[in-house]
Amino acid sequence: MNTEIKAVHFSLNEQTKEYLEKKITRIHNAENMIVDLLFTLTKDKDFSAEVTVNFRWGHSIHLKEQDFELNPAIDKLMDKLDAKIAKEKEKVKEKRPGGKLNVKEL
């Protein structure tokens, strides 16, 4: 799984980067399904956290969250990402013969 973190209109300090990497470990069970995980953190009037996830079977999703603080925006984004990944797993499971999820074959 390739992970890219990009900051726009501000410098991303090491502490925030470590916080985000710690949050990414929540989805380690889906690492074999994800090709790319691209984060964009933007500061305008408030903070915006976006992620684009590219799955092995060619599907991609884009999620975005905003908050006045960066860490709560990251938390909200990761909660959404957890739910989306679970939903994608179920979709793939439903389409597979027998309803079993075997990502290694994909």
C-alpha atoms as a PDB file:
ATOM      1  CA  MET A   1       0.000   0.000   0.000  1.00  0.00           C
ATOM      2  CA  ASN A   2       1.484   3.315  -1.090  1.00  0.00           C
ATOM      3  CA  THR A   3       0.720   6.229   1.224  1.00  0.00           C
ATOM      4  CA  GLU A   4       1.211   9.863   0.241  1.00  0.00           C
ATOM      5  CA  ILE A   5       0.550  12.819   2.530  1.00  0.00           C
ATOM      6  CA  LYS A   6       0.451  16.315   1.074  1.00  0.00           C
ATOM      7  CA  ALA A   7      -0.104  19.626   2.906  1.00  0.00           C
ATOM      8  CA  VAL A   8      -1.503  22.660   1.061  1.00  0.00           C
ATOM      9  CA  HIS A   9      -1.138  26.253   2.356  1.00  0.00           C
ATOM     10  CA  PHE A  10       0.757  25.170   5.473  1.00  0.00           C
ATOM     11  CA  SER A  11       3.727  23.086   6.578  1.00  0.00           C
ATOM     12  CA  LEU A  12       2.943  19.670   7.961  1.00  0.00           C
ATOM     13  CA  ASN A  13       4.856  19.191  11.193  1.00  0.00           C
ATOM     14  CA  GLU A  14       6.255  15.828  12.253  1.00  0.00           C
ATOM     15  CA  GLN A  15       3.800  15.485  15.144  1.00  0.00           C
ATOM     16  CA  THR A  16       0.758  15.747  12.843  1.00  0.00           C
ATOM     17  CA  LYS A  17       2.330  13.359  10.359  1.00  0.00           C
ATOM     18  CA  GLU A  18       2.900  10.796  13.127  1.00  0.00           C
ATOM     19  CA  TYR A  19      -0.706  11.295  14.315  1.00  0.00           C
ATOM     20  CA  LEU A  20      -2.023  10.560  10.821  1.00  0.00           C
ATOM     21  CA  GLU A  21       0.235   7.520  10.413  1.00  0.00           C
ATOM     22  CA  LYS A  22      -1.034   6.200  13.760  1.00  0.00           C
ATOM     23  CA  LYS A  23      -4.598   6.600  12.505  1.00  0.00           C
ATOM     24  CA  ILE A  24      -3.737   4.792   9.259  1.00  0.00           C
ATOM     25  CA  THR A  25      -2.832   1.705  11.303  1.00  0.00           C
ATOM     26  CA  ARG A  26      -6.565   1.367  12.080  1.00  0.00           C
ATOM     27  CA  ILE A  27      -7.086   0.117   8.527  1.00  0.00           C
ATOM     28  CA  HIS A  28      -4.136  -2.293   8.432  1.00  0.00           C
ATOM     29  CA  ASN A  29      -6.586  -5.175   7.914  1.00  0.00           C
ATOM     30  CA  ALA A  30      -7.408  -3.712   4.476  1.00  0.00           C
ATOM     31  CA  GLU A  31      -3.808  -3.163   3.344  1.00  0.00           C
ATOM     32  CA  ASN A  32      -3.972  -6.066   0.904  1.00  0.00           C
ATOM     33  CA  MET A  33      -7.017  -4.484  -0.805  1.00  0.00           C
ATOM     34  CA  ILE A  34      -5.628  -0.949  -1.159  1.00  0.00           C
ATOM     35  CA  VAL A  35      -3.083   0.106  -3.780  1.00  0.00           C
ATOM     36  CA  ASP A  36      -2.834   3.845  -3.011  1.00  0.00           C
ATOM     37  CA  LEU A  37      -3.859   5.989  -0.070  1.00  0.00           C
ATOM     38  CA  LEU A  38      -3.463   9.668  -1.014  1.00  0.00           C
ATOM     39  CA  PHE A  39      -4.065  12.278   1.708  1.00  0.00           C
ATOM     40  CA  THR A  40      -4.368  16.022   1.078  1.00  0.00           C
ATOM     41  CA  LEU A  41      -4.542  18.318   4.099  1.00  0.00           C
ATOM     42  CA  THR A  42      -5.528  21.909   3.280  1.00  0.00           C
ATOM     43  CA  LYS A  43      -5.724  25.042   5.414  1.00  0.00           C
ATOM     44  CA  ASP A  44      -8.015  27.857   4.298  1.00  0.00           C
ATOM     45  CA  LYS A  45     -10.350  29.395   6.861  1.00  0.00           C
ATOM     46  CA  ASP A  46     -10.567  25.974   8.459  1.00  0.00           C
ATOM     47  CA  PHE A  47      -8.807  22.674   7.878  1.00  0.00           C
ATOM     48  CA  SER A  48      -9.853  20.240   5.209  1.00  0.00           C
ATOM     49  CA  ALA A  49      -8.720  16.606   5.129  1.00  0.00           C
ATOM     50  CA  GLU A  50      -9.211  14.591   1.942  1.00  0.00           C
ATOM     51  CA  VAL A  51      -8.276  11.067   0.969  1.00  0.00           C
ATOM     52  CA  THR A  52      -8.375   9.174  -2.302  1.00  0.00           C
ATOM     53  CA  VAL A  53      -8.240   5.398  -2.015  1.00  0.00           C
ATOM     54  CA  ASN A  54      -7.475   3.199  -5.014  1.00  0.00           C
ATOM     55  CA  PHE A  55      -8.467  -0.446  -4.594  1.00  0.00           C
ATOM     56  CA  ARG A  56      -6.855  -3.430  -6.312  1.00  0.00           C
ATOM     57  CA  TRP A  57      -9.959  -4.164  -8.391  1.00  0.00           C
ATOM     58  CA  GLY A  58      -9.852  -0.730 -10.039  1.00  0.00           C
ATOM     59  CA  HIS A  59     -12.433   1.064  -7.914  1.00  0.00           C
ATOM     60  CA  SER A  60     -11.508   4.299  -6.156  1.00  0.00           C
ATOM     61  CA  ILE A  61     -13.205   6.453  -3.547  1.00  0.00           C
ATOM     62  CA  HIS A  62     -12.700  10.063  -2.483  1.00  0.00           C
ATOM     63  CA  LEU A  63     -13.643  11.342   0.971  1.00  0.00           C
ATOM     64  CA  LYS A  64     -13.464  14.835   2.456  1.00  0.00           C
ATOM     65  CA  GLU A  65     -13.950  16.275   5.948  1.00  0.00           C
ATOM     66  CA  GLN A  66     -13.616  19.796   7.363  1.00  0.00           C
ATOM     67  CA  ASP A  67     -13.095  21.143  10.873  1.00  0.00           C
ATOM     68  CA  PHE A  68     -11.626  24.176  12.621  1.00  0.00           C
ATOM     69  CA  GLU A  69      -8.773  21.998  13.914  1.00  0.00           C
ATOM     70  CA  LEU A  70      -6.692  19.548  11.892  1.00  0.00           C
ATOM     71  CA  ASN A  71      -6.724  16.534  14.237  1.00  0.00           C
ATOM     72  CA  PRO A  72     -10.548  16.380  14.580  1.00  0.00           C
ATOM     73  CA  ALA A  73     -10.796  16.634  10.777  1.00  0.00           C
ATOM     74  CA  ILE A  74      -8.404  13.681  10.480  1.00  0.00           C
ATOM     75  CA  ASP A  75     -10.441  11.733  13.069  1.00  0.00           C
ATOM     76  CA  LYS A  76     -13.710  12.322  11.191  1.00  0.00           C
ATOM     77  CA  LEU A  77     -12.054  11.379   7.896  1.00  0.00           C
ATOM     78  CA  MET A  78     -10.662   8.122   9.290  1.00  0.00           C
ATOM     79  CA  ASP A  79     -14.082   7.197  10.726  1.00  0.00           C
ATOM     80  CA  LYS A  80     -15.627   7.711   7.295  1.00  0.00           C
ATOM     81  CA  LEU A  81     -12.798   5.764   5.672  1.00  0.00           C
ATOM     82  CA  ASP A  82     -13.315   2.800   8.022  1.00  0.00           C
ATOM     83  CA  ALA A  83     -16.999   2.681   7.102  1.00  0.00           C
ATOM     84  CA  LYS A  84     -16.319   2.983   3.359  1.00  0.00           C
ATOM     85  CA  ILE A  85     -13.719   0.212   3.400  1.00  0.00           C
ATOM     86  CA  ALA A  86     -16.133  -2.085   5.236  1.00  0.00           C
ATOM     87  CA  LYS A  87     -18.797  -1.283   2.641  1.00  0.00           C
ATOM     88  CA  GLU A  88     -16.389  -2.031  -0.232  1.00  0.00           C
ATOM     89  CA  LYS A  89     -15.469  -5.365   1.389  1.00  0.00           C
ATOM     90  CA  GLU A  90     -19.153  -6.287   1.523  1.00  0.00           C
ATOM     91  CA  LYS A  91     -19.680  -5.312  -2.132  1.00  0.00           C
ATOM     92  CA  VAL A  92     -16.782  -7.490  -3.248  1.00  0.00           C
ATOM     93  CA  LYS A  93     -17.963 -10.324  -1.003  1.00  0.00           C
ATOM     94  CA  GLU A  94     -21.452 -10.190  -2.562  1.00  0.00           C
ATOM     95  CA  LYS A  95     -20.078 -10.322  -6.114  1.00  0.00           C
ATOM     96  CA  ARG A  96     -17.745 -13.263  -5.460  1.00  0.00           C
ATOM     97  CA  PRO A  97     -19.099 -16.773  -6.104  1.00  0.00           C
ATOM     98  CA  GLY A  98     -20.003 -18.329  -2.777  1.00  0.00           C
ATOM     99  CA  GLY A  99     -19.855 -14.940  -1.051  1.00  0.00           C
ATOM    100  CA  LYS A 100     -16.278 -15.420   0.127  1.00  0.00           C
ATOM    101  CA  LEU A 101     -13.767 -12.606  -0.007  1.00  0.00           C
ATOM    102  CA  ASN A 102     -10.448 -13.739  -1.444  1.00  0.00           C
ATOM    103  CA  VAL A 103      -8.531 -10.552  -2.197  1.00  0.00           C
ATOM    104  CA  LYS A 104      -5.374 -12.384  -3.256  1.00  0.00           C
ATOM    105  CA  GLU A 105      -7.157 -13.586  -6.408  1.00  0.00           C
ATOM    106  CA  LEU A 106      -8.203 -10.036  -7.363  1.00  0.00           C
END
